[in-house]
Amino acid sequence: MSAISLRLPDSLHNRARILSKQDRISINQFVATAVAEKIAALETEDYLTKRAARASRKKFEEALAQIPDREPDEHDRF
C-alpha cells in the first residue's frame, strides 16, 4: 500500500471528515473509496466510448427485427 500527502481545501476536508464519521469509516478509507469511484467512472466512460466505436446500426436493426411484435407483459406496462 502507498502513502500520499494530499492537500485539500478546508471545506472539502471538513465535509470528508463529517461524511466519513457518518459512514463510520476513516477519512483515509473515505478518500480511497472516492478515488476508486472516480477511476471506475472514467474507465467505464472509456470502455463505452470504445465499445460504441465498434457498434453497427445495421446489426442493431437486424437484432431488433428478430424480436416478436407483441404487447408487453402486464408487469412491464406503465
PDB file of N, CA and C in Angstrom:
ATOM      1  N   MET A   1       0.851  -1.169   0.000  1.00  0.00           N
ATOM      2  CA  MET A   1       0.000   0.000   0.000  1.00  0.00           C
ATOM      3  C   MET A   1       0.894   1.227   0.000  1.00  0.00           C
ATOM      4  N   SER A   2       0.436   2.263  -0.698  1.00  0.00           N
ATOM      5  CA  SER A   2       1.204   3.505  -0.801  1.00  0.00           C
ATOM      6  C   SER A   2       0.603   4.590   0.082  1.00  0.00           C
ATOM      7  N   ALA A   3       1.462   5.504   0.490  1.00  0.00           N
ATOM      8  CA  ALA A   3       1.016   6.669   1.254  1.00  0.00           C
ATOM      9  C   ALA A   3       1.253   7.899   0.404  1.00  0.00           C
ATOM     10  N   ILE A   4       0.289   8.819   0.422  1.00  0.00           N
ATOM     11  CA  ILE A   4       0.459  10.080  -0.286  1.00  0.00           C
ATOM     12  C   ILE A   4       0.113  11.225   0.656  1.00  0.00           C
ATOM     13  N   SER A   5       0.722  12.353   0.376  1.00  0.00           N
ATOM     14  CA  SER A   5       0.387  13.565   1.108  1.00  0.00           C
ATOM     15  C   SER A   5      -0.575  14.334   0.221  1.00  0.00           C
ATOM     16  N   LEU A   6      -1.720  14.696   0.777  1.00  0.00           N
ATOM     17  CA  LEU A   6      -2.767  15.328  -0.022  1.00  0.00           C
ATOM     18  C   LEU A   6      -3.189  16.638   0.622  1.00  0.00           C
ATOM     19  N   ARG A   7      -3.184  17.687  -0.158  1.00  0.00           N
ATOM     20  CA  ARG A   7      -3.648  18.982   0.337  1.00  0.00           C
ATOM     21  C   ARG A   7      -5.070  19.190  -0.160  1.00  0.00           C
ATOM     22  N   LEU A   8      -5.975  19.453   0.786  1.00  0.00           N
ATOM     23  CA  LEU A   8      -7.372  19.702   0.458  1.00  0.00           C
ATOM     24  C   LEU A   8      -7.780  21.063   0.985  1.00  0.00           C
ATOM     25  N   PRO A   9      -8.659  21.745   0.282  1.00  0.00           N
ATOM     26  CA  PRO A   9      -9.229  22.956   0.865  1.00  0.00           C
ATOM     27  C   PRO A   9      -9.943  22.585   2.161  1.00  0.00           C
ATOM     28  N   ASP A  10      -9.949  23.515   3.108  1.00  0.00           N
ATOM     29  CA  ASP A  10     -10.581  23.243   4.404  1.00  0.00           C
ATOM     30  C   ASP A  10     -12.022  22.772   4.257  1.00  0.00           C
ATOM     31  N   SER A  11     -12.747  23.351   3.313  1.00  0.00           N
ATOM     32  CA  SER A  11     -14.159  22.989   3.147  1.00  0.00           C
ATOM     33  C   SER A  11     -14.312  21.517   2.747  1.00  0.00           C
ATOM     34  N   LEU A  12     -13.455  21.033   1.845  1.00  0.00           N
ATOM     35  CA  LEU A  12     -13.512  19.619   1.448  1.00  0.00           C
ATOM     36  C   LEU A  12     -13.092  18.707   2.592  1.00  0.00           C
ATOM     37  N   HIS A  13     -12.057  19.110   3.289  1.00  0.00           N
ATOM     38  CA  HIS A  13     -11.577  18.309   4.409  1.00  0.00           C
ATOM     39  C   HIS A  13     -12.659  18.180   5.483  1.00  0.00           C
ATOM     40  N   ASN A  14     -13.305  19.276   5.792  1.00  0.00           N
ATOM     41  CA  ASN A  14     -14.372  19.242   6.796  1.00  0.00           C
ATOM     42  C   ASN A  14     -15.527  18.357   6.358  1.00  0.00           C
ATOM     43  N   ARG A  15     -15.939  18.474   5.087  1.00  0.00           N
ATOM     44  CA  ARG A  15     -17.035  17.632   4.595  1.00  0.00           C
ATOM     45  C   ARG A  15     -16.628  16.159   4.604  1.00  0.00           C
ATOM     46  N   ALA A  16     -15.402  15.871   4.202  1.00  0.00           N
ATOM     47  CA  ALA A  16     -14.917  14.485   4.210  1.00  0.00           C
ATOM     48  C   ALA A  16     -14.911  13.937   5.632  1.00  0.00           C
ATOM     49  N   ARG A  17     -14.496  14.754   6.590  1.00  0.00           N
ATOM     50  CA  ARG A  17     -14.481  14.328   7.990  1.00  0.00           C
ATOM     51  C   ARG A  17     -15.906  14.010   8.463  1.00  0.00           C
ATOM     52  N   ILE A  18     -16.836  14.911   8.183  1.00  0.00           N
ATOM     53  CA  ILE A  18     -18.230  14.715   8.612  1.00  0.00           C
ATOM     54  C   ILE A  18     -18.837  13.479   7.956  1.00  0.00           C
ATOM     55  N   LEU A  19     -18.665  13.361   6.647  1.00  0.00           N
ATOM     56  CA  LEU A  19     -19.275  12.232   5.928  1.00  0.00           C
ATOM     57  C   LEU A  19     -18.638  10.899   6.303  1.00  0.00           C
ATOM     58  N   SER A  20     -17.335  10.898   6.532  1.00  0.00           N
ATOM     59  CA  SER A  20     -16.693   9.643   6.931  1.00  0.00           C
ATOM     60  C   SER A  20     -17.165   9.213   8.319  1.00  0.00           C
ATOM     61  N   LYS A  21     -17.366  10.182   9.212  1.00  0.00           N
ATOM     62  CA  LYS A  21     -17.903   9.847  10.539  1.00  0.00           C
ATOM     63  C   LYS A  21     -19.309   9.277  10.428  1.00  0.00           C
ATOM     64  N   GLN A  22     -20.123   9.875   9.554  1.00  0.00           N
ATOM     65  CA  GLN A  22     -21.484   9.364   9.359  1.00  0.00           C
ATOM     66  C   GLN A  22     -21.471   7.929   8.836  1.00  0.00           C
ATOM     67  N   ASP A  23     -20.510   7.619   7.968  1.00  0.00           N
ATOM     68  CA  ASP A  23     -20.373   6.262   7.419  1.00  0.00           C
ATOM     69  C   ASP A  23     -19.597   5.334   8.338  1.00  0.00           C
ATOM     70  N   ARG A  24     -19.090   5.893   9.433  1.00  0.00           N
ATOM     71  CA  ARG A  24     -18.278   5.130  10.396  1.00  0.00           C
ATOM     72  C   ARG A  24     -17.044   4.498   9.748  1.00  0.00           C
ATOM     73  N   ILE A  25     -16.378   5.307   8.934  1.00  0.00           N
ATOM     74  CA  ILE A  25     -15.129   4.876   8.308  1.00  0.00           C
ATOM     75  C   ILE A  25     -14.095   5.982   8.511  1.00  0.00           C
ATOM     76  N   SER A  26     -12.847   5.641   8.285  1.00  0.00           N
ATOM     77  CA  SER A  26     -11.785   6.639   8.408  1.00  0.00           C
ATOM     78  C   SER A  26     -11.806   7.575   7.204  1.00  0.00           C
ATOM     79  N   ILE A  27     -11.191   8.744   7.384  1.00  0.00           N
ATOM     80  CA  ILE A  27     -11.059   9.658   6.247  1.00  0.00           C
ATOM     81  C   ILE A  27     -10.235   8.992   5.149  1.00  0.00           C
ATOM     82  N   ASN A  28      -9.208   8.235   5.530  1.00  0.00           N
ATOM     83  CA  ASN A  28      -8.398   7.531   4.532  1.00  0.00           C
ATOM     84  C   ASN A  28      -9.263   6.600   3.688  1.00  0.00           C
ATOM     85  N   GLN A  29     -10.120   5.839   4.346  1.00  0.00           N
ATOM     86  CA  GLN A  29     -10.989   4.920   3.619  1.00  0.00           C
ATOM     87  C   GLN A  29     -11.986   5.698   2.761  1.00  0.00           C
ATOM     88  N   PHE A  30     -12.503   6.800   3.287  1.00  0.00           N
ATOM     89  CA  PHE A  30     -13.434   7.636   2.536  1.00  0.00           C
ATOM     90  C   PHE A  30     -12.781   8.153   1.256  1.00  0.00           C
ATOM     91  N   VAL A  31     -11.560   8.700   1.379  1.00  0.00           N
ATOM     92  CA  VAL A  31     -10.862   9.239   0.215  1.00  0.00           C
ATOM     93  C   VAL A  31     -10.493   8.123  -0.762  1.00  0.00           C
ATOM     94  N   ALA A  32     -10.048   6.983  -0.257  1.00  0.00           N
ATOM     95  CA  ALA A  32      -9.710   5.861  -1.136  1.00  0.00           C
ATOM     96  C   ALA A  32     -10.937   5.406  -1.923  1.00  0.00           C
ATOM     97  N   THR A  33     -12.092   5.358  -1.263  1.00  0.00           N
ATOM     98  CA  THR A  33     -13.326   4.970  -1.938  1.00  0.00           C
ATOM     99  C   THR A  33     -13.715   6.009  -2.990  1.00  0.00           C
ATOM    100  N   ALA A  34     -13.563   7.281  -2.667  1.00  0.00           N
ATOM    101  CA  ALA A  34     -13.880   8.341  -3.625  1.00  0.00           C
ATOM    102  C   ALA A  34     -12.991   8.246  -4.861  1.00  0.00           C
ATOM    103  N   VAL A  35     -11.712   7.989  -4.653  1.00  0.00           N
ATOM    104  CA  VAL A  35     -10.783   7.839  -5.777  1.00  0.00           C
ATOM    105  C   VAL A  35     -11.163   6.611  -6.608  1.00  0.00           C
ATOM    106  N   ALA A  36     -11.503   5.512  -5.941  1.00  0.00           N
ATOM    107  CA  ALA A  36     -11.902   4.296  -6.652  1.00  0.00           C
ATOM    108  C   ALA A  36     -13.159   4.541  -7.482  1.00  0.00           C
ATOM    109  N   GLU A  37     -14.125   5.272  -6.925  1.00  0.00           N
ATOM    110  CA  GLU A  37     -15.347   5.587  -7.674  1.00  0.00           C
ATOM    111  C   GLU A  37     -15.046   6.436  -8.903  1.00  0.00           C
ATOM    112  N   LYS A  38     -14.166   7.410  -8.766  1.00  0.00           N
ATOM    113  CA  LYS A  38     -13.804   8.273  -9.898  1.00  0.00           C
ATOM    114  C   LYS A  38     -13.096   7.466 -10.974  1.00  0.00           C
ATOM    115  N   ILE A  39     -12.179   6.607 -10.577  1.00  0.00           N
ATOM    116  CA  ILE A  39     -11.472   5.758 -11.540  1.00  0.00           C
ATOM    117  C   ILE A  39     -12.464   4.862 -12.274  1.00  0.00           C
ATOM    118  N   ALA A  40     -13.389   4.252 -11.549  1.00  0.00           N
ATOM    119  CA  ALA A  40     -14.389   3.391 -12.168  1.00  0.00           C
ATOM    120  C   ALA A  40     -15.236   4.162 -13.171  1.00  0.00           C
ATOM    121  N   ALA A  41     -15.624   5.384 -12.827  1.00  0.00           N
ATOM    122  CA  ALA A  41     -16.438   6.193 -13.738  1.00  0.00           C
ATOM    123  C   ALA A  41     -15.669   6.515 -15.023  1.00  0.00           C
ATOM    124  N   LEU A  42     -14.411   6.908 -14.883  1.00  0.00           N
ATOM    125  CA  LEU A  42     -13.609   7.239 -16.056  1.00  0.00           C
ATOM    126  C   LEU A  42     -13.327   6.015 -16.915  1.00  0.00           C
ATOM    127  N   GLU A  43     -13.049   4.876 -16.282  1.00  0.00           N
ATOM    128  CA  GLU A  43     -12.792   3.658 -17.040  1.00  0.00           C
ATOM    129  C   GLU A  43     -14.057   3.160 -17.729  1.00  0.00           C
ATOM    130  N   THR A  44     -15.197   3.333 -17.096  1.00  0.00           N
ATOM    131  CA  THR A  44     -16.465   2.949 -17.719  1.00  0.00           C
ATOM    132  C   THR A  44     -16.734   3.820 -18.941  1.00  0.00           C
ATOM    133  N   GLU A  45     -16.503   5.117 -18.791  1.00  0.00           N
ATOM    134  CA  GLU A  45     -16.692   6.024 -19.925  1.00  0.00           C
ATOM    135  C   GLU A  45     -15.781   5.626 -21.084  1.00  0.00           C
ATOM    136  N   ASP A  46     -14.530   5.309 -20.782  1.00  0.00           N
ATOM    137  CA  ASP A  46     -13.577   4.891 -21.809  1.00  0.00           C
ATOM    138  C   ASP A  46     -14.034   3.600 -22.479  1.00  0.00           C
ATOM    139  N   TYR A  47     -14.477   2.623 -21.676  1.00  0.00           N
ATOM    140  CA  TYR A  47     -14.962   1.352 -22.224  1.00  0.00           C
ATOM    141  C   TYR A  47     -16.152   1.580 -23.150  1.00  0.00           C
ATOM    142  N   LEU A  48     -17.117   2.387 -22.703  1.00  0.00           N
ATOM    143  CA  LEU A  48     -18.319   2.621 -23.507  1.00  0.00           C
ATOM    144  C   LEU A  48     -18.000   3.370 -24.796  1.00  0.00           C
ATOM    145  N   THR A  49     -17.056   4.296 -24.731  1.00  0.00           N
ATOM    146  CA  THR A  49     -16.647   5.015 -25.938  1.00  0.00           C
ATOM    147  C   THR A  49     -16.023   4.058 -26.947  1.00  0.00           C
ATOM    148  N   LYS A  50     -15.142   3.193 -26.469  1.00  0.00           N
ATOM    149  CA  LYS A  50     -14.514   2.212 -27.368  1.00  0.00           C
ATOM    150  C   LYS A  50     -15.542   1.221 -27.908  1.00  0.00           C
ATOM    151  N   ARG A  51     -16.463   0.799 -27.045  1.00  0.00           N
ATOM    152  CA  ARG A  51     -17.498  -0.155 -27.461  1.00  0.00           C
ATOM    153  C   ARG A  51     -18.433   0.475 -28.494  1.00  0.00           C
ATOM    154  N   ALA A  52     -18.784   1.734 -28.290  1.00  0.00           N
ATOM    155  CA  ALA A  52     -19.665   2.429 -29.238  1.00  0.00           C
ATOM    156  C   ALA A  52     -19.001   2.584 -30.600  1.00  0.00           C
ATOM    157  N   ALA A  53     -17.688   2.741 -30.620  1.00  0.00           N
ATOM    158  CA  ALA A  53     -16.970   2.889 -31.884  1.00  0.00           C
ATOM    159  C   ALA A  53     -17.053   1.614 -32.723  1.00  0.00           C
ATOM    160  N   ARG A  54     -17.257   0.476 -32.056  1.00  0.00           N
ATOM    161  CA  ARG A  54     -17.372  -0.810 -32.776  1.00  0.00           C
ATOM    162  C   ARG A  54     -18.812  -1.120 -33.170  1.00  0.00           C
ATOM    163  N   ALA A  55     -19.738  -0.281 -32.744  1.00  0.00           N
ATOM    164  CA  ALA A  55     -21.161  -0.558 -32.964  1.00  0.00           C
ATOM    165  C   ALA A  55     -21.524  -0.468 -34.438  1.00  0.00           C
ATOM    166  N   SER A  56     -22.596  -1.189 -34.777  1.00  0.00           N
ATOM    167  CA  SER A  56     -23.096  -1.177 -36.143  1.00  0.00           C
ATOM    168  C   SER A  56     -24.610  -0.959 -36.102  1.00  0.00           C
ATOM    169  N   ARG A  57     -25.064   0.106 -36.721  1.00  0.00           N
ATOM    170  CA  ARG A  57     -26.505   0.382 -36.778  1.00  0.00           C
ATOM    171  C   ARG A  57     -27.237  -0.755 -37.487  1.00  0.00           C
ATOM    172  N   LYS A  58     -26.627  -1.283 -38.548  1.00  0.00           N
ATOM    173  CA  LYS A  58     -27.238  -2.372 -39.318  1.00  0.00           C
ATOM    174  C   LYS A  58     -27.434  -3.606 -38.431  1.00  0.00           C
ATOM    175  N   LYS A  59     -26.394  -3.993 -37.692  1.00  0.00           N
ATOM    176  CA  LYS A  59     -26.512  -5.171 -36.812  1.00  0.00           C
ATOM    177  C   LYS A  59     -27.544  -4.931 -35.711  1.00  0.00           C
ATOM    178  N   PHE A  60     -27.608  -3.710 -35.197  1.00  0.00           N
ATOM    179  CA  PHE A  60     -28.592  -3.373 -34.172  1.00  0.00           C
ATOM    180  C   PHE A  60     -30.005  -3.550 -34.719  1.00  0.00           C
ATOM    181  N   GLU A  61     -30.253  -3.006 -35.912  1.00  0.00           N
ATOM    182  CA  GLU A  61     -31.577  -3.128 -36.522  1.00  0.00           C
ATOM    183  C   GLU A  61     -31.914  -4.579 -36.858  1.00  0.00           C
ATOM    184  N   GLU A  62     -30.921  -5.361 -37.264  1.00  0.00           N
ATOM    185  CA  GLU A  62     -31.153  -6.786 -37.533  1.00  0.00           C
ATOM    186  C   GLU A  62     -31.543  -7.522 -36.251  1.00  0.00           C
ATOM    187  N   ALA A  63     -30.887  -7.185 -35.153  1.00  0.00           N
ATOM    188  CA  ALA A  63     -31.220  -7.814 -33.869  1.00  0.00           C
ATOM    189  C   ALA A  63     -32.626  -7.421 -33.434  1.00  0.00           C
ATOM    190  N   LEU A  64     -32.987  -6.144 -33.579  1.00  0.00           N
ATOM    191  CA  LEU A  64     -34.326  -5.695 -33.219  1.00  0.00           C
ATOM    192  C   LEU A  64     -35.392  -6.375 -34.070  1.00  0.00           C
ATOM    193  N   ALA A  65     -35.092  -6.624 -35.320  1.00  0.00           N
ATOM    194  CA  ALA A  65     -36.056  -7.253 -36.229  1.00  0.00           C
ATOM    195  C   ALA A  65     -36.399  -8.674 -35.798  1.00  0.00           C
ATOM    196  N   GLN A  66     -35.551  -9.294 -34.995  1.00  0.00           N
ATOM    197  CA  GLN A  66     -35.793 -10.663 -34.537  1.00  0.00           C
ATOM    198  C   GLN A  66     -36.716 -10.735 -33.317  1.00  0.00           C
ATOM    199  N   ILE A  67     -37.011  -9.591 -32.740  1.00  0.00           N
ATOM    200  CA  ILE A  67     -37.874  -9.553 -31.554  1.00  0.00           C
ATOM    201  C   ILE A  67     -39.331  -9.546 -32.016  1.00  0.00           C
ATOM    202  N   PRO A  68     -40.131 -10.474 -31.494  1.00  0.00           N
ATOM    203  CA  PRO A  68     -41.529 -10.514 -31.924  1.00  0.00           C
ATOM    204  C   PRO A  68     -42.285  -9.239 -31.558  1.00  0.00           C
ATOM    205  N   ASP A  69     -43.195  -8.842 -32.417  1.00  0.00           N
ATOM    206  CA  ASP A  69     -44.008  -7.658 -32.188  1.00  0.00           C
ATOM    207  C   ASP A  69     -45.249  -8.067 -31.411  1.00  0.00           C
ATOM    208  N   ARG A  70     -45.245  -7.809 -30.114  1.00  0.00           N
ATOM    209  CA  ARG A  70     -46.385  -8.161 -29.275  1.00  0.00           C
ATOM    210  C   ARG A  70     -46.487  -7.179 -28.126  1.00  0.00           C
ATOM    211  N   GLU A  71     -47.618  -7.195 -27.466  1.00  0.00           N
ATOM    212  CA  GLU A  71     -47.834  -6.325 -26.318  1.00  0.00           C
ATOM    213  C   GLU A  71     -46.912  -6.746 -25.168  1.00  0.00           C
ATOM    214  N   PRO A  72     -46.449  -5.781 -24.368  1.00  0.00           N
ATOM    215  CA  PRO A  72     -45.602  -6.148 -23.216  1.00  0.00           C
ATOM    216  C   PRO A  72     -46.404  -6.897 -22.155  1.00  0.00           C
ATOM    217  N   ASP A  73     -45.689  -7.698 -21.361  1.00  0.00           N
ATOM    218  CA  ASP A  73     -46.330  -8.376 -20.238  1.00  0.00           C
ATOM    219  C   ASP A  73     -46.929  -7.338 -19.298  1.00  0.00           C
ATOM    220  N   GLU A  74     -47.910  -7.739 -18.530  1.00  0.00           N
ATOM    221  CA  GLU A  74     -48.612  -6.827 -17.628  1.00  0.00           C
ATOM    222  C   GLU A  74     -47.652  -6.085 -16.702  1.00  0.00           C
ATOM    223  N   HIS A  75     -46.686  -6.795 -16.119  1.00  0.00           N
ATOM    224  CA  HIS A  75     -45.770  -6.160 -15.166  1.00  0.00           C
ATOM    225  C   HIS A  75     -44.769  -5.206 -15.836  1.00  0.00           C
ATOM    226  N   ASP A  76     -44.684  -5.214 -17.173  1.00  0.00           N
ATOM    227  CA  ASP A  76     -43.790  -4.318 -17.889  1.00  0.00           C
ATOM    228  C   ASP A  76     -44.492  -3.069 -18.416  1.00  0.00           C
ATOM    229  N   ARG A  77     -45.769  -2.943 -18.152  1.00  0.00           N
ATOM    230  CA  ARG A  77     -46.522  -1.778 -18.647  1.00  0.00           C
ATOM    231  C   ARG A  77     -46.464  -0.667 -17.607  1.00  0.00           C
ATOM    232  N   PHE A  78     -46.580   0.556 -18.080  1.00  0.00           N
ATOM    233  CA  PHE A  78     -46.568   1.709 -17.178  1.00  0.00           C
ATOM    234  C   PHE A  78     -47.870   1.831 -16.461  1.00  0.00           C
TER     235      PHE A  78
END
